[in-house]
Each structure stands twice: as structure tokens, then as C-alpha cells.
Amino acid sequence: MPDFKINFGDAKVLKLPDEGNYVLVVSDYAVKPAKNEESRSKGFNISLIFQFAEPEEGMENFKIYHNLWVSYDNPWAAKIFFDALTGKELDSEMDLSDPNEFLGEKVLASLVHESYTANDGTTKTKMAVASAQSFYSMPF
């Protein structure tokens, strides 16, 4: 017999925020190889986790996941993101020897609702970055 009780009557349904532009904070990241072997020689992924800089009530722990593809031949998606994150037009190699320096940094992004199929076969909706071109520098 379990030694705990759960009152599911206290569960709250999470309502997604409206689509639009939001200020996001980089809360975590992981560098990951491409899923298939053929793509690994072409680039890698930076898996980013964001949180809202100014979350609505009840959304304080809401996370937005985004895989940033970094192509060795043409890293345009990564350039758009890091230009927006740093507020600079980056035109040479960026030294990411300590990517932790970007944790807590803010970036403006256009978010949309995106449908996906869950492991159990049901269709669900999540908040997602609209596209690689959807990152913008914060106004200073």
C-alpha cells in the first residue's frame, strides 16, 4: 500500500499564453550531437531552455524548449540567435569556451502554439519559437 495520497482535485489545467512576442531568459542549455550519424559531420544542436522574463501568474515555472541547429558550413540560425542575445552583429568566430555566461541573458522571441503527437498518440499543443528568424535583440 502506498504511503502517500494525492488530491487530484487540486490539479490546475495549464493554459498556454497567447501567441506573440515575449522576453525570454536562457535558463539552461545542452550541446547535443545530431540524432542521425550522417548529420553529425554537418553540425550539432544547442538545446536551449527558456523561461518567461515576466511570467503571468501561474506561469513562473513554464519552460520553452528550442533546438538551435548549428551547421558547420552555414551557421545562420545560430548567428541570428547569438546576434539577438548579445545585441551585436557577430561577424567572426565566437568563443563559447564558457557558454554558462549566457545563462540568465534575455532575448526577445516570437512564440506560437505548435501541435505535436505525444507518446500515447494524443495530439497536444505547446509554446514554441516560431522559427530561427524569430529571435530579436532586446531594446536598450
Protein backbone atom coordinates (compact mmCIF):
# COMPACT_ATOMS: atom_id res chain seq x y z
CA MET A 1 0.00 0.00 0.00
CA PRO A 2 1.42 3.43 -0.93
CA ASP A 3 2.43 5.72 1.89
CA PHE A 4 1.18 8.91 0.23
CA LYS A 5 -2.07 10.43 -1.01
CA ILE A 6 -2.68 12.73 -3.97
CA ASN A 7 -5.68 15.04 -4.21
CA PHE A 8 -6.21 15.45 -7.97
CA GLY A 9 -8.98 17.94 -7.23
CA ASP A 10 -6.15 20.46 -6.62
CA ALA A 11 -4.72 19.98 -10.13
CA LYS A 12 -4.92 23.09 -12.31
CA VAL A 13 -5.16 22.97 -16.08
CA LEU A 14 -2.27 24.82 -17.67
CA LYS A 15 -3.45 27.40 -20.17
CA LEU A 16 -0.89 28.42 -22.75
CA PRO A 17 -0.14 32.12 -23.06
CA ASP A 18 -1.33 33.83 -26.24
CA GLU A 19 0.92 33.70 -29.28
CA GLY A 20 3.12 36.78 -29.62
CA ASN A 21 6.43 38.36 -28.74
CA TYR A 22 7.85 37.61 -25.29
CA VAL A 23 11.05 38.38 -23.40
CA LEU A 24 12.70 35.06 -22.58
CA VAL A 25 15.54 34.22 -20.22
CA VAL A 26 18.06 31.50 -21.05
CA SER A 27 17.71 29.14 -18.07
CA ASP A 28 19.66 26.10 -19.31
CA TYR A 29 21.27 24.55 -22.36
CA ALA A 30 22.95 21.35 -23.54
CA VAL A 31 25.15 20.75 -26.56
CA LYS A 32 23.96 17.59 -28.34
CA PRO A 33 25.10 15.74 -31.43
CA ALA A 34 22.70 15.40 -34.34
CA LYS A 35 20.34 12.44 -33.99
CA ASN A 36 21.46 10.61 -37.11
CA GLU A 37 25.04 9.69 -37.90
CA GLU A 38 25.06 11.35 -41.34
CA SER A 39 24.16 14.78 -39.90
CA ARG A 40 26.86 14.67 -37.19
CA SER A 41 29.54 15.65 -39.70
CA LYS A 42 27.38 18.64 -40.77
CA GLY A 43 26.72 20.27 -37.39
CA PHE A 44 25.29 19.93 -33.88
CA ASN A 45 22.37 21.12 -31.74
CA ILE A 46 22.31 23.52 -28.83
CA SER A 47 19.22 22.53 -26.84
CA LEU A 48 18.04 25.71 -25.15
CA ILE A 49 15.59 26.03 -22.29
CA PHE A 50 13.92 29.41 -21.75
CA GLN A 51 11.60 30.82 -19.11
CA PHE A 52 9.49 33.97 -19.35
CA ALA A 53 11.29 37.05 -18.03
CA GLU A 54 7.98 38.44 -16.75
CA PRO A 55 5.70 35.43 -16.34
CA GLU A 56 1.96 35.73 -15.93
CA GLU A 57 0.60 34.44 -12.65
CA GLY A 58 0.87 30.64 -12.55
CA MET A 59 3.47 30.57 -15.35
CA GLU A 60 6.58 31.10 -13.19
CA ASN A 61 7.92 27.59 -13.88
CA PHE A 62 6.77 27.35 -17.51
CA LYS A 63 9.60 26.33 -19.86
CA ILE A 64 10.10 26.75 -23.59
CA TYR A 65 12.40 24.29 -25.33
CA HIS A 66 14.20 25.13 -28.57
CA ASN A 67 16.81 23.19 -30.53
CA LEU A 68 19.22 25.53 -32.26
CA TRP A 69 20.90 23.77 -35.22
CA VAL A 70 24.49 24.88 -35.75
CA SER A 71 25.64 23.97 -39.25
CA TYR A 72 29.41 23.94 -39.73
CA ASP A 73 29.05 25.24 -43.33
CA ASN A 74 26.40 27.90 -42.72
CA PRO A 75 25.58 28.64 -39.06
CA TRP A 76 22.93 31.27 -39.96
CA ALA A 77 20.36 30.12 -37.36
CA ALA A 78 22.98 30.27 -34.61
CA LYS A 79 24.14 33.70 -35.84
CA ILE A 80 20.57 35.07 -35.68
CA PHE A 81 20.17 33.79 -32.13
CA PHE A 82 23.55 35.00 -30.82
CA ASP A 83 23.22 38.37 -32.60
CA ALA A 84 19.89 38.83 -30.80
CA LEU A 85 21.22 37.55 -27.48
CA THR A 86 24.30 39.78 -27.50
CA GLY A 87 22.76 42.78 -29.27
CA LYS A 88 25.75 42.78 -31.64
CA GLU A 89 26.27 41.92 -35.29
CA LEU A 90 28.64 38.98 -34.94
CA ASP A 91 30.91 38.59 -37.94
CA SER A 92 33.69 36.31 -36.77
CA GLU A 93 34.13 33.14 -34.75
CA MET A 94 32.56 33.31 -31.32
CA ASP A 95 34.45 31.77 -28.44
CA LEU A 96 31.96 29.70 -26.49
CA SER A 97 34.53 28.27 -24.11
CA ASP A 98 32.16 29.21 -21.28
CA PRO A 99 28.57 29.14 -22.57
CA ASN A 100 27.38 29.46 -18.95
CA GLU A 101 27.93 33.21 -19.36
CA PHE A 102 24.69 33.24 -21.39
CA LEU A 103 22.59 31.74 -18.58
CA GLY A 104 20.25 34.44 -17.34
CA GLU A 105 20.59 36.53 -20.52
CA LYS A 106 17.40 37.85 -22.12
CA VAL A 107 16.25 37.69 -25.72
CA LEU A 108 13.01 38.69 -27.44
CA ALA A 109 11.29 35.88 -29.35
CA SER A 110 8.12 35.36 -31.32
CA LEU A 111 6.22 32.38 -29.88
CA VAL A 112 3.46 30.32 -31.47
CA HIS A 113 1.25 27.41 -30.47
CA GLU A 114 2.52 24.21 -32.06
CA SER A 115 0.71 20.87 -32.18
CA TYR A 116 2.57 17.60 -31.70
CA THR A 117 1.77 13.94 -31.17
CA ALA A 118 2.54 12.70 -27.68
CA ASN A 119 3.97 9.24 -26.96
CA ASP A 120 0.47 7.97 -26.18
CA GLY A 121 -0.77 9.07 -29.65
CA THR A 122 -2.79 12.07 -28.46
CA THR A 123 -2.39 15.49 -30.06
CA LYS A 124 -1.13 18.17 -27.70
CA THR A 125 -0.16 21.83 -28.03
CA LYS A 126 2.97 23.56 -26.76
CA MET A 127 4.54 27.02 -26.96
CA ALA A 128 7.41 27.11 -29.43
CA VAL A 129 9.73 29.64 -31.03
CA ALA A 130 8.10 30.45 -34.38
CA SER A 131 11.28 29.96 -36.44
CA ALA A 132 15.02 30.54 -36.34
CA GLN A 133 14.36 34.08 -37.61
CA SER A 134 12.07 34.78 -34.64
CA PHE A 135 14.76 35.96 -32.23
CA TYR A 136 15.21 39.72 -31.75
CA SER A 137 17.57 41.87 -29.73
CA MET A 138 16.16 43.46 -26.63
CA PRO A 139 15.70 47.21 -27.00
CA PHE A 140 18.20 49.10 -24.86
